[in-house]
Each structure stands twice: as C-alpha cells, then as structure tokens.
Amino acid sequence: MASLEFDEYALIWWEQVLNQREEHDELAVATWVEMKHEMRARFVPSHYKRDLFERLQNMRQGTRSVEEYYKEMEKAMIRAKVKEDEEQTMARFLVGLNHPVKRIVNF
C-alpha cells in the first residue's frame, strides 16, 4: 500500500486518520480512491481549484512561443479538469495570444 512510503509528518498524519476512523467505527481506507480523498482533504488547500481556474482564465502568451503558450494552456486545462468544446478552447486560446499573432490568425 502507498502508505508504506509515508515518513515523518505524513506517517503521523496517516496513523491519526486511521485511529480516528477506528474510533468513529468507520471502515478502514481500502482503496486508492479513498486514500486520495483523505490526502486531498488534508494537503490540498481549498482554494487550489479556484487558483487553477484563475490562472487559466488570465493566461496570456507573453514571451512564450505560440507552441509553448498552447502547451501551458493545455496543461492548465488538464489540471483544472476543464471540459469544453473545441470552439470554447479556441476562443480561450485566441484571447491570450499576443496582438501581432492574433492579427495573423484572424486574417
């Protein structure tokens, strides 16, 4: 099980989770999905997803190449678990392009 890899704080935290579940007569964590849920609840800040959306919403090409910008946008969309149709993604991409590139694309 993945918990065998825990050390220091993570190991102490995990033992506490298991003890609390036992004290409350809850079932032990038996699957990876349950374990991920417990770890996310503890270690991922509540604003994490909102921050991902904000980063994606405000993403601009800047000094990156078009290819680098596209890859960064794609990674941000995957992290934020954004599912939208191609037209929405294209619109999002075009908005962030530098003006000289945008003029060429829209020509």
PDB file of N, CA and C in Angstrom:
ATOM      1  N   MET A   1       0.844  -1.187   0.000  1.00  0.00           N
ATOM      2  CA  MET A   1       0.000   0.000   0.000  1.00  0.00           C
ATOM      3  C   MET A   1       0.887   1.247   0.000  1.00  0.00           C
ATOM      4  N   ALA A   2       0.376   2.291  -0.570  1.00  0.00           N
ATOM      5  CA  ALA A   2       1.130   3.542  -0.714  1.00  0.00           C
ATOM      6  C   ALA A   2       1.540   4.128   0.629  1.00  0.00           C
ATOM      7  N   SER A   3       0.766   3.864   1.655  1.00  0.00           N
ATOM      8  CA  SER A   3       1.079   4.438   2.969  1.00  0.00           C
ATOM      9  C   SER A   3       2.410   3.928   3.509  1.00  0.00           C
ATOM     10  N   LEU A   4       2.915   2.838   2.982  1.00  0.00           N
ATOM     11  CA  LEU A   4       4.220   2.335   3.411  1.00  0.00           C
ATOM     12  C   LEU A   4       5.338   3.296   3.028  1.00  0.00           C
ATOM     13  N   GLU A   5       5.078   4.166   2.067  1.00  0.00           N
ATOM     14  CA  GLU A   5       6.071   5.144   1.629  1.00  0.00           C
ATOM     15  C   GLU A   5       6.054   6.420   2.468  1.00  0.00           C
ATOM     16  N   PHE A   6       5.058   6.579   3.323  1.00  0.00           N
ATOM     17  CA  PHE A   6       4.975   7.779   4.158  1.00  0.00           C
ATOM     18  C   PHE A   6       6.109   7.800   5.168  1.00  0.00           C
ATOM     19  N   ASP A   7       6.590   9.005   5.466  1.00  0.00           N
ATOM     20  CA  ASP A   7       7.551   9.155   6.550  1.00  0.00           C
ATOM     21  C   ASP A   7       7.287  10.470   7.269  1.00  0.00           C
ATOM     22  N   GLU A   8       7.881  10.622   8.399  1.00  0.00           N
ATOM     23  CA  GLU A   8       7.782  11.814   9.229  1.00  0.00           C
ATOM     24  C   GLU A   8       6.336  12.274   9.396  1.00  0.00           C
ATOM     25  N   TYR A   9       6.048  13.521   9.030  1.00  0.00           N
ATOM     26  CA  TYR A   9       4.713  14.081   9.283  1.00  0.00           C
ATOM     27  C   TYR A   9       3.613  13.277   8.606  1.00  0.00           C
ATOM     28  N   ALA A  10       3.834  12.882   7.360  1.00  0.00           N
ATOM     29  CA  ALA A  10       2.796  12.150   6.626  1.00  0.00           C
ATOM     30  C   ALA A  10       2.441  10.847   7.330  1.00  0.00           C
ATOM     31  N   LEU A  11       3.424  10.166   7.880  1.00  0.00           N
ATOM     32  CA  LEU A  11       3.171   8.916   8.588  1.00  0.00           C
ATOM     33  C   LEU A  11       2.365   9.167   9.862  1.00  0.00           C
ATOM     34  N   ILE A  12       2.733  10.190  10.601  1.00  0.00           N
ATOM     35  CA  ILE A  12       1.993  10.537  11.823  1.00  0.00           C
ATOM     36  C   ILE A  12       0.568  10.923  11.474  1.00  0.00           C
ATOM     37  N   TRP A  13       0.395  11.741  10.436  1.00  0.00           N
ATOM     38  CA  TRP A  13      -0.942  12.142   9.996  1.00  0.00           C
ATOM     39  C   TRP A  13      -1.764  10.922   9.602  1.00  0.00           C
ATOM     40  N   TRP A  14      -1.179  10.002   8.826  1.00  0.00           N
ATOM     41  CA  TRP A  14      -1.905   8.823   8.351  1.00  0.00           C
ATOM     42  C   TRP A  14      -2.352   7.944   9.516  1.00  0.00           C
ATOM     43  N   GLU A  15      -1.481   7.760  10.491  1.00  0.00           N
ATOM     44  CA  GLU A  15      -1.850   6.975  11.675  1.00  0.00           C
ATOM     45  C   GLU A  15      -3.009   7.632  12.411  1.00  0.00           C
ATOM     46  N   GLN A  16      -3.014   8.951  12.476  1.00  0.00           N
ATOM     47  CA  GLN A  16      -4.114   9.676  13.111  1.00  0.00           C
ATOM     48  C   GLN A  16      -5.421   9.454  12.343  1.00  0.00           C
ATOM     49  N   VAL A  17      -5.357   9.506  11.024  1.00  0.00           N
ATOM     50  CA  VAL A  17      -6.552   9.261  10.200  1.00  0.00           C
ATOM     51  C   VAL A  17      -7.110   7.877  10.499  1.00  0.00           C
ATOM     52  N   LEU A  18      -6.237   6.886  10.514  1.00  0.00           N
ATOM     53  CA  LEU A  18      -6.685   5.514  10.775  1.00  0.00           C
ATOM     54  C   LEU A  18      -7.274   5.379  12.172  1.00  0.00           C
ATOM     55  N   ASN A  19      -6.634   5.985  13.156  1.00  0.00           N
ATOM     56  CA  ASN A  19      -7.145   5.929  14.531  1.00  0.00           C
ATOM     57  C   ASN A  19      -8.511   6.599  14.650  1.00  0.00           C
ATOM     58  N   GLN A  20      -8.675   7.766  14.018  1.00  0.00           N
ATOM     59  CA  GLN A  20      -9.961   8.465  14.073  1.00  0.00           C
ATOM     60  C   GLN A  20     -11.064   7.654  13.409  1.00  0.00           C
ATOM     61  N   ARG A  21     -10.758   7.015  12.305  1.00  0.00           N
ATOM     62  CA  ARG A  21     -11.759   6.175  11.632  1.00  0.00           C
ATOM     63  C   ARG A  21     -12.167   5.020  12.545  1.00  0.00           C
ATOM     64  N   GLU A  22     -11.183   4.439  13.200  1.00  0.00           N
ATOM     65  CA  GLU A  22     -11.466   3.322  14.103  1.00  0.00           C
ATOM     66  C   GLU A  22     -12.316   3.787  15.288  1.00  0.00           C
ATOM     67  N   GLU A  23     -11.973   4.932  15.864  1.00  0.00           N
ATOM     68  CA  GLU A  23     -12.731   5.475  16.996  1.00  0.00           C
ATOM     69  C   GLU A  23     -14.180   5.765  16.635  1.00  0.00           C
ATOM     70  N   HIS A  24     -14.413   6.174  15.383  1.00  0.00           N
ATOM     71  CA  HIS A  24     -15.770   6.509  14.941  1.00  0.00           C
ATOM     72  C   HIS A  24     -16.458   5.337  14.244  1.00  0.00           C
ATOM     73  N   ASP A  25     -15.908   4.145  14.422  1.00  0.00           N
ATOM     74  CA  ASP A  25     -16.467   2.925  13.823  1.00  0.00           C
ATOM     75  C   ASP A  25     -16.671   3.047  12.317  1.00  0.00           C
ATOM     76  N   GLU A  26     -15.753   3.739  11.657  1.00  0.00           N
ATOM     77  CA  GLU A  26     -15.790   3.852  10.202  1.00  0.00           C
ATOM     78  C   GLU A  26     -14.925   2.747   9.603  1.00  0.00           C
ATOM     79  N   LEU A  27     -15.231   2.386   8.383  1.00  0.00           N
ATOM     80  CA  LEU A  27     -14.440   1.369   7.697  1.00  0.00           C
ATOM     81  C   LEU A  27     -13.029   1.884   7.429  1.00  0.00           C
ATOM     82  N   ALA A  28     -12.092   0.967   7.406  1.00  0.00           N
ATOM     83  CA  ALA A  28     -10.709   1.337   7.099  1.00  0.00           C
ATOM     84  C   ALA A  28     -10.609   1.791   5.642  1.00  0.00           C
ATOM     85  N   VAL A  29      -9.609   2.582   5.366  1.00  0.00           N
ATOM     86  CA  VAL A  29      -9.360   3.020   3.991  1.00  0.00           C
ATOM     87  C   VAL A  29      -8.880   1.794   3.217  1.00  0.00           C
ATOM     88  N   ALA A  30      -9.653   1.418   2.201  1.00  0.00           N
ATOM     89  CA  ALA A  30      -9.355   0.170   1.494  1.00  0.00           C
ATOM     90  C   ALA A  30      -8.951   0.365   0.039  1.00  0.00           C
ATOM     91  N   THR A  31      -9.196   1.545  -0.505  1.00  0.00           N
ATOM     92  CA  THR A  31      -8.891   1.749  -1.924  1.00  0.00           C
ATOM     93  C   THR A  31      -8.028   2.989  -2.114  1.00  0.00           C
ATOM     94  N   TRP A  32      -7.400   3.039  -3.273  1.00  0.00           N
ATOM     95  CA  TRP A  32      -6.591   4.196  -3.635  1.00  0.00           C
ATOM     96  C   TRP A  32      -7.453   5.449  -3.714  1.00  0.00           C
ATOM     97  N   VAL A  33      -8.677   5.317  -4.214  1.00  0.00           N
ATOM     98  CA  VAL A  33      -9.588   6.459  -4.334  1.00  0.00           C
ATOM     99  C   VAL A  33      -9.875   7.052  -2.956  1.00  0.00           C
ATOM    100  N   GLU A  34     -10.137   6.198  -1.979  1.00  0.00           N
ATOM    101  CA  GLU A  34     -10.393   6.682  -0.611  1.00  0.00           C
ATOM    102  C   GLU A  34      -9.152   7.354  -0.033  1.00  0.00           C
ATOM    103  N   MET A  35      -8.006   6.769  -0.300  1.00  0.00           N
ATOM    104  CA  MET A  35      -6.763   7.336   0.220  1.00  0.00           C
ATOM    105  C   MET A  35      -6.493   8.703  -0.402  1.00  0.00           C
ATOM    106  N   LYS A  36      -6.691   8.817  -1.715  1.00  0.00           N
ATOM    107  CA  LYS A  36      -6.504  10.116  -2.372  1.00  0.00           C
ATOM    108  C   LYS A  36      -7.455  11.154  -1.794  1.00  0.00           C
ATOM    109  N   HIS A  37      -8.695  10.738  -1.520  1.00  0.00           N
ATOM    110  CA  HIS A  37      -9.674  11.659  -0.935  1.00  0.00           C
ATOM    111  C   HIS A  37      -9.172  12.182   0.413  1.00  0.00           C
ATOM    112  N   GLU A  38      -8.679  11.299   1.252  1.00  0.00           N
ATOM    113  CA  GLU A  38      -8.149  11.701   2.563  1.00  0.00           C
ATOM    114  C   GLU A  38      -6.950  12.633   2.407  1.00  0.00           C
ATOM    115  N   MET A  39      -6.049  12.302   1.496  1.00  0.00           N
ATOM    116  CA  MET A  39      -4.845  13.127   1.310  1.00  0.00           C
ATOM    117  C   MET A  39      -5.196  14.498   0.751  1.00  0.00           C
ATOM    118  N   ARG A  40      -6.120  14.539  -0.205  1.00  0.00           N
ATOM    119  CA  ARG A  40      -6.516  15.835  -0.767  1.00  0.00           C
ATOM    120  C   ARG A  40      -7.194  16.701   0.282  1.00  0.00           C
ATOM    121  N   ALA A  41      -8.044  16.084   1.093  1.00  0.00           N
ATOM    122  CA  ALA A  41      -8.743  16.845   2.129  1.00  0.00           C
ATOM    123  C   ALA A  41      -7.746  17.499   3.082  1.00  0.00           C
ATOM    124  N   ARG A  42      -6.629  16.846   3.325  1.00  0.00           N
ATOM    125  CA  ARG A  42      -5.651  17.372   4.275  1.00  0.00           C
ATOM    126  C   ARG A  42      -4.607  18.285   3.634  1.00  0.00           C
ATOM    127  N   PHE A  43      -4.111  17.903   2.466  1.00  0.00           N
ATOM    128  CA  PHE A  43      -2.930  18.568   1.929  1.00  0.00           C
ATOM    129  C   PHE A  43      -3.181  19.531   0.772  1.00  0.00           C
ATOM    130  N   VAL A  44      -4.342  19.497   0.163  1.00  0.00           N
ATOM    131  CA  VAL A  44      -4.627  20.413  -0.944  1.00  0.00           C
ATOM    132  C   VAL A  44      -5.496  21.550  -0.418  1.00  0.00           C
ATOM    133  N   PRO A  45      -5.022  22.785  -0.510  1.00  0.00           N
ATOM    134  CA  PRO A  45      -5.795  23.918   0.012  1.00  0.00           C
ATOM    135  C   PRO A  45      -7.155  24.031  -0.685  1.00  0.00           C
ATOM    136  N   SER A  46      -8.135  24.520   0.034  1.00  0.00           N
ATOM    137  CA  SER A  46      -9.492  24.631  -0.510  1.00  0.00           C
ATOM    138  C   SER A  46      -9.545  25.564  -1.724  1.00  0.00           C
ATOM    139  N   HIS A  47      -8.634  26.498  -1.809  1.00  0.00           N
ATOM    140  CA  HIS A  47      -8.635  27.453  -2.919  1.00  0.00           C
ATOM    141  C   HIS A  47      -7.836  26.959  -4.128  1.00  0.00           C
ATOM    142  N   TYR A  48      -7.287  25.763  -4.058  1.00  0.00           N
ATOM    143  CA  TYR A  48      -6.431  25.237  -5.125  1.00  0.00           C
ATOM    144  C   TYR A  48      -7.137  25.235  -6.478  1.00  0.00           C
ATOM    145  N   LYS A  49      -8.340  24.690  -6.543  1.00  0.00           N
ATOM    146  CA  LYS A  49      -9.061  24.599  -7.816  1.00  0.00           C
ATOM    147  C   LYS A  49      -9.399  25.991  -8.341  1.00  0.00           C
ATOM    148  N   ARG A  50      -9.821  26.881  -7.439  1.00  0.00           N
ATOM    149  CA  ARG A  50     -10.116  28.253  -7.858  1.00  0.00           C
ATOM    150  C   ARG A  50      -8.871  28.915  -8.428  1.00  0.00           C
ATOM    151  N   ASP A  51      -7.729  28.697  -7.793  1.00  0.00           N
ATOM    152  CA  ASP A  51      -6.469  29.259  -8.287  1.00  0.00           C
ATOM    153  C   ASP A  51      -6.126  28.721  -9.675  1.00  0.00           C
ATOM    154  N   LEU A  52      -6.387  27.430  -9.897  1.00  0.00           N
ATOM    155  CA  LEU A  52      -6.144  26.853 -11.222  1.00  0.00           C
ATOM    156  C   LEU A  52      -7.011  27.523 -12.276  1.00  0.00           C
ATOM    157  N   PHE A  53      -8.296  27.728 -11.961  1.00  0.00           N
ATOM    158  CA  PHE A  53      -9.203  28.385 -12.907  1.00  0.00           C
ATOM    159  C   PHE A  53      -8.770  29.824 -13.177  1.00  0.00           C
ATOM    160  N   GLU A  54      -8.368  30.547 -12.133  1.00  0.00           N
ATOM    161  CA  GLU A  54      -7.919  31.930 -12.311  1.00  0.00           C
ATOM    162  C   GLU A  54      -6.676  31.983 -13.194  1.00  0.00           C
ATOM    163  N   ARG A  55      -5.751  31.070 -12.946  1.00  0.00           N
ATOM    164  CA  ARG A  55      -4.520  31.034 -13.745  1.00  0.00           C
ATOM    165  C   ARG A  55      -4.856  30.769 -15.211  1.00  0.00           C
ATOM    166  N   LEU A  56      -5.752  29.832 -15.444  1.00  0.00           N
ATOM    167  CA  LEU A  56      -6.156  29.518 -16.810  1.00  0.00           C
ATOM    168  C   LEU A  56      -6.868  30.704 -17.453  1.00  0.00           C
ATOM    169  N   GLN A  57      -7.762  31.328 -16.708  1.00  0.00           N
ATOM    170  CA  GLN A  57      -8.546  32.448 -17.231  1.00  0.00           C
ATOM    171  C   GLN A  57      -7.659  33.636 -17.607  1.00  0.00           C
ATOM    172  N   ASN A  58      -6.595  33.845 -16.843  1.00  0.00           N
ATOM    173  CA  ASN A  58      -5.721  35.002 -17.058  1.00  0.00           C
ATOM    174  C   ASN A  58      -4.479  34.683 -17.890  1.00  0.00           C
ATOM    175  N   MET A  59      -4.391  33.480 -18.417  1.00  0.00           N
ATOM    176  CA  MET A  59      -3.201  33.067 -19.153  1.00  0.00           C
ATOM    177  C   MET A  59      -3.051  33.853 -20.459  1.00  0.00           C
ATOM    178  N   ARG A  60      -1.836  34.318 -20.702  1.00  0.00           N
ATOM    179  CA  ARG A  60      -1.504  35.061 -21.912  1.00  0.00           C
ATOM    180  C   ARG A  60      -0.210  34.500 -22.491  1.00  0.00           C
ATOM    181  N   GLN A  61      -0.006  34.709 -23.779  1.00  0.00           N
ATOM    182  CA  GLN A  61       1.180  34.202 -24.455  1.00  0.00           C
ATOM    183  C   GLN A  61       2.448  34.842 -23.901  1.00  0.00           C
ATOM    184  N   GLY A  62       2.442  36.146 -23.745  1.00  0.00           N
ATOM    185  CA  GLY A  62       3.617  36.839 -23.227  1.00  0.00           C
ATOM    186  C   GLY A  62       4.837  36.607 -24.097  1.00  0.00           C
ATOM    187  N   THR A  63       5.954  36.200 -23.490  1.00  0.00           N
ATOM    188  CA  THR A  63       7.209  35.999 -24.222  1.00  0.00           C
ATOM    189  C   THR A  63       7.357  34.575 -24.759  1.00  0.00           C
ATOM    190  N   ARG A  64       6.374  33.736 -24.508  1.00  0.00           N
ATOM    191  CA  ARG A  64       6.440  32.345 -24.974  1.00  0.00           C
ATOM    192  C   ARG A  64       6.125  32.256 -26.467  1.00  0.00           C
ATOM    193  N   SER A  65       6.608  31.191 -27.069  1.00  0.00           N
ATOM    194  CA  SER A  65       6.210  30.910 -28.449  1.00  0.00           C
ATOM    195  C   SER A  65       4.745  30.465 -28.426  1.00  0.00           C
ATOM    196  N   VAL A  66       4.126  30.457 -29.584  1.00  0.00           N
ATOM    197  CA  VAL A  66       2.732  30.012 -29.673  1.00  0.00           C
ATOM    198  C   VAL A  66       2.626  28.571 -29.184  1.00  0.00           C
ATOM    199  N   GLU A  67       3.586  27.738 -29.562  1.00  0.00           N
ATOM    200  CA  GLU A  67       3.584  26.328 -29.148  1.00  0.00           C
ATOM    201  C   GLU A  67       3.707  26.201 -27.633  1.00  0.00           C
ATOM    202  N   GLU A  68       4.624  26.961 -27.023  1.00  0.00           N
ATOM    203  CA  GLU A  68       4.793  26.922 -25.562  1.00  0.00           C
ATOM    204  C   GLU A  68       3.529  27.400 -24.859  1.00  0.00           C
ATOM    205  N   TYR A  69       2.942  28.469 -25.367  1.00  0.00           N
ATOM    206  CA  TYR A  69       1.697  29.002 -24.802  1.00  0.00           C
ATOM    207  C   TYR A  69       0.590  27.953 -24.879  1.00  0.00           C
ATOM    208  N   TYR A  70       0.462  27.297 -26.034  1.00  0.00           N
ATOM    209  CA  TYR A  70      -0.568  26.275 -26.200  1.00  0.00           C
ATOM    210  C   TYR A  70      -0.368  25.124 -25.218  1.00  0.00           C
ATOM    211  N   LYS A  71       0.879  24.661 -25.076  1.00  0.00           N
ATOM    212  CA  LYS A  71       1.164  23.558 -24.152  1.00  0.00           C
ATOM    213  C   LYS A  71       0.851  23.951 -22.713  1.00  0.00           C
ATOM    214  N   GLU A  72       1.215  25.169 -22.317  1.00  0.00           N
ATOM    215  CA  GLU A  72       0.913  25.635 -20.958  1.00  0.00           C
ATOM    216  C   GLU A  72      -0.592  25.707 -20.726  1.00  0.00           C
ATOM    217  N   MET A  73      -1.317  26.203 -21.726  1.00  0.00           N
ATOM    218  CA  MET A  73      -2.766  26.287 -21.600  1.00  0.00           C
ATOM    219  C   MET A  73      -3.375  24.890 -21.489  1.00  0.00           C
ATOM    220  N   GLU A  74      -2.881  23.980 -22.299  1.00  0.00           N
ATOM    221  CA  GLU A  74      -3.384  22.607 -22.266  1.00  0.00           C
ATOM    222  C   GLU A  74      -3.122  21.957 -20.907  1.00  0.00           C
ATOM    223  N   LYS A  75      -1.917  22.144 -20.364  1.00  0.00           N
ATOM    224  CA  LYS A  75      -1.607  21.596 -19.039  1.00  0.00           C
ATOM    225  C   LYS A  75      -2.514  22.202 -17.974  1.00  0.00           C
ATOM    226  N   ALA A  76      -2.733  23.510 -18.053  1.00  0.00           N
ATOM    227  CA  ALA A  76      -3.605  24.179 -17.081  1.00  0.00           C
ATOM    228  C   ALA A  76      -5.033  23.650 -17.178  1.00  0.00           C
ATOM    229  N   MET A  77      -5.503  23.396 -18.382  1.00  0.00           N
ATOM    230  CA  MET A  77      -6.856  22.858 -18.563  1.00  0.00           C
ATOM    231  C   MET A  77      -6.966  21.446 -17.995  1.00  0.00           C
ATOM    232  N   ILE A  78      -5.922  20.652 -18.175  1.00  0.00           N
ATOM    233  CA  ILE A  78      -5.928  19.290 -17.634  1.00  0.00           C
ATOM    234  C   ILE A  78      -5.933  19.336 -16.114  1.00  0.00           C
ATOM    235  N   ARG A  79      -5.072  20.178 -15.531  1.00  0.00           N
ATOM    236  CA  ARG A  79      -5.025  20.285 -14.064  1.00  0.00           C
ATOM    237  C   ARG A  79      -6.355  20.743 -13.481  1.00  0.00           C
ATOM    238  N   ALA A  80      -6.997  21.685 -14.163  1.00  0.00           N
ATOM    239  CA  ALA A  80      -8.277  22.220 -13.675  1.00  0.00           C
ATOM    240  C   ALA A  80      -9.458  21.335 -14.074  1.00  0.00           C
ATOM    241  N   LYS A  81      -9.176  20.282 -14.811  1.00  0.00           N
ATOM    242  CA  LYS A  81     -10.215  19.346 -15.271  1.00  0.00           C
ATOM    243  C   LYS A  81     -11.310  20.057 -16.055  1.00  0.00           C
ATOM    244  N   VAL A  82     -10.886  20.969 -16.927  1.00  0.00           N
ATOM    245  CA  VAL A  82     -11.825  21.730 -17.755  1.00  0.00           C
ATOM    246  C   VAL A  82     -12.229  20.875 -18.947  1.00  0.00           C
ATOM    247  N   LYS A  83     -13.531  20.756 -19.127  1.00  0.00           N
ATOM    248  CA  LYS A  83     -14.069  20.037 -20.288  1.00  0.00           C
ATOM    249  C   LYS A  83     -14.958  21.012 -21.038  1.00  0.00           C
ATOM    250  N   GLU A  84     -14.504  21.397 -22.208  1.00  0.00           N
ATOM    251  CA  GLU A  84     -15.271  22.329 -23.020  1.00  0.00           C
ATOM    252  C   GLU A  84     -15.113  21.932 -24.481  1.00  0.00           C
ATOM    253  N   ASP A  85     -16.004  22.423 -25.334  1.00  0.00           N
ATOM    254  CA  ASP A  85     -15.890  22.058 -26.746  1.00  0.00           C
ATOM    255  C   ASP A  85     -14.737  22.822 -27.398  1.00  0.00           C
ATOM    256  N   GLU A  86     -14.370  22.383 -28.591  1.00  0.00           N
ATOM    257  CA  GLU A  86     -13.209  22.954 -29.286  1.00  0.00           C
ATOM    258  C   GLU A  86     -13.328  24.448 -29.525  1.00  0.00           C
ATOM    259  N   GLU A  87     -14.523  24.913 -29.829  1.00  0.00           N
ATOM    260  CA  GLU A  87     -14.727  26.345 -30.089  1.00  0.00           C
ATOM    261  C   GLU A  87     -14.427  27.177 -28.842  1.00  0.00           C
ATOM    262  N   GLN A  88     -14.847  26.701 -27.687  1.00  0.00           N
ATOM    263  CA  GLN A  88     -14.555  27.421 -26.444  1.00  0.00           C
ATOM    264  C   GLN A  88     -13.053  27.456 -26.184  1.00  0.00           C
ATOM    265  N   THR A  89     -12.404  26.318 -26.386  1.00  0.00           N
ATOM    266  CA  THR A  89     -10.958  26.254 -26.171  1.00  0.00           C
ATOM    267  C   THR A  89     -10.229  27.170 -27.148  1.00  0.00           C
ATOM    268  N   MET A  90     -10.666  27.171 -28.391  1.00  0.00           N
ATOM    269  CA  MET A  90     -10.044  28.036 -29.396  1.00  0.00           C
ATOM    270  C   MET A  90     -10.216  29.503 -29.015  1.00  0.00           C
ATOM    271  N   ALA A  91     -11.408  29.871 -28.566  1.00  0.00           N
ATOM    272  CA  ALA A  91     -11.648  31.258 -28.147  1.00  0.00           C
ATOM    273  C   ALA A  91     -10.742  31.620 -26.976  1.00  0.00           C
ATOM    274  N   ARG A  92     -10.619  30.715 -26.006  1.00  0.00           N
ATOM    275  CA  ARG A  92      -9.750  30.950 -24.845  1.00  0.00           C
ATOM    276  C   ARG A  92      -8.309  31.156 -25.311  1.00  0.00           C
ATOM    277  N   PHE A  93      -7.863  30.321 -26.239  1.00  0.00           N
ATOM    278  CA  PHE A  93      -6.505  30.385 -26.759  1.00  0.00           C
ATOM    279  C   PHE A  93      -6.259  31.697 -27.497  1.00  0.00           C
ATOM    280  N   LEU A  94      -7.180  32.076 -28.370  1.00  0.00           N
ATOM    281  CA  LEU A  94      -7.021  33.295 -29.171  1.00  0.00           C
ATOM    282  C   LEU A  94      -6.980  34.551 -28.313  1.00  0.00           C
ATOM    283  N   VAL A  95      -7.772  34.591 -27.268  1.00  0.00           N
ATOM    284  CA  VAL A  95      -7.802  35.764 -26.381  1.00  0.00           C
ATOM    285  C   VAL A  95      -6.426  36.028 -25.782  1.00  0.00           C
ATOM    286  N   GLY A  96      -5.687  34.966 -25.479  1.00  0.00           N
ATOM    287  CA  GLY A  96      -4.392  35.128 -24.825  1.00  0.00           C
ATOM    288  C   GLY A  96      -3.218  35.350 -25.753  1.00  0.00           C
ATOM    289  N   LEU A  97      -3.442  35.246 -27.054  1.00  0.00           N
ATOM    290  CA  LEU A  97      -2.339  35.448 -28.000  1.00  0.00           C
ATOM    291  C   LEU A  97      -1.888  36.909 -28.027  1.00  0.00           C
ATOM    292  N   ASN A  98      -0.617  37.120 -28.298  1.00  0.00           N
ATOM    293  CA  ASN A  98      -0.104  38.477 -28.494  1.00  0.00           C
ATOM    294  C   ASN A  98      -0.783  39.083 -29.721  1.00  0.00           C
ATOM    295  N   HIS A  99      -0.986  40.397 -29.721  1.00  0.00           N
ATOM    296  CA  HIS A  99      -1.732  41.069 -30.790  1.00  0.00           C
ATOM    297  C   HIS A  99      -1.175  40.825 -32.193  1.00  0.00           C
ATOM    298  N   PRO A 100       0.147  40.888 -32.419  1.00  0.00           N
ATOM    299  CA  PRO A 100       0.637  40.630 -33.787  1.00  0.00           C
ATOM    300  C   PRO A 100       0.258  39.223 -34.287  1.00  0.00           C
ATOM    301  N   VAL A 101       0.339  38.246 -33.414  1.00  0.00           N
ATOM    302  CA  VAL A 101      -0.022  36.876 -33.789  1.00  0.00           C
ATOM    303  C   VAL A 101      -1.524  36.778 -33.996  1.00  0.00           C
ATOM    304  N   LYS A 102      -2.279  37.420 -33.130  1.00  0.00           N
ATOM    305  CA  LYS A 102      -3.739  37.394 -33.222  1.00  0.00           C
ATOM    306  C   LYS A 102      -4.211  37.978 -34.554  1.00  0.00           C
ATOM    307  N   ARG A 103      -3.556  39.059 -35.001  1.00  0.00           N
ATOM    308  CA  ARG A 103      -3.932  39.672 -36.286  1.00  0.00           C
ATOM    309  C   ARG A 103      -3.710  38.694 -37.444  1.00  0.00           C
ATOM    310  N   ILE A 104      -2.607  37.963 -37.399  1.00  0.00           N
ATOM    311  CA  ILE A 104      -2.309  36.993 -38.459  1.00  0.00           C
ATOM    312  C   ILE A 104      -3.337  35.863 -38.447  1.00  0.00           C
ATOM    313  N   VAL A 105      -3.652  35.362 -37.275  1.00  0.00           N
ATOM    314  CA  VAL A 105      -4.601  34.256 -37.141  1.00  0.00           C
ATOM    315  C   VAL A 105      -5.992  34.672 -37.591  1.00  0.00           C
ATOM    316  N   ASN A 106      -6.399  35.875 -37.262  1.00  0.00           N
ATOM    317  CA  ASN A 106      -7.745  36.344 -37.601  1.00  0.00           C
ATOM    318  C   ASN A 106      -7.867  36.852 -39.034  1.00  0.00           C
ATOM    319  N   PHE A 107      -6.778  36.911 -39.769  1.00  0.00           N
ATOM    320  CA  PHE A 107      -6.786  37.434 -41.133  1.00  0.00           C
ATOM    321  C   PHE A 107      -7.524  36.513 -42.065  1.00  0.00           C
TER     322      PHE A 107
END
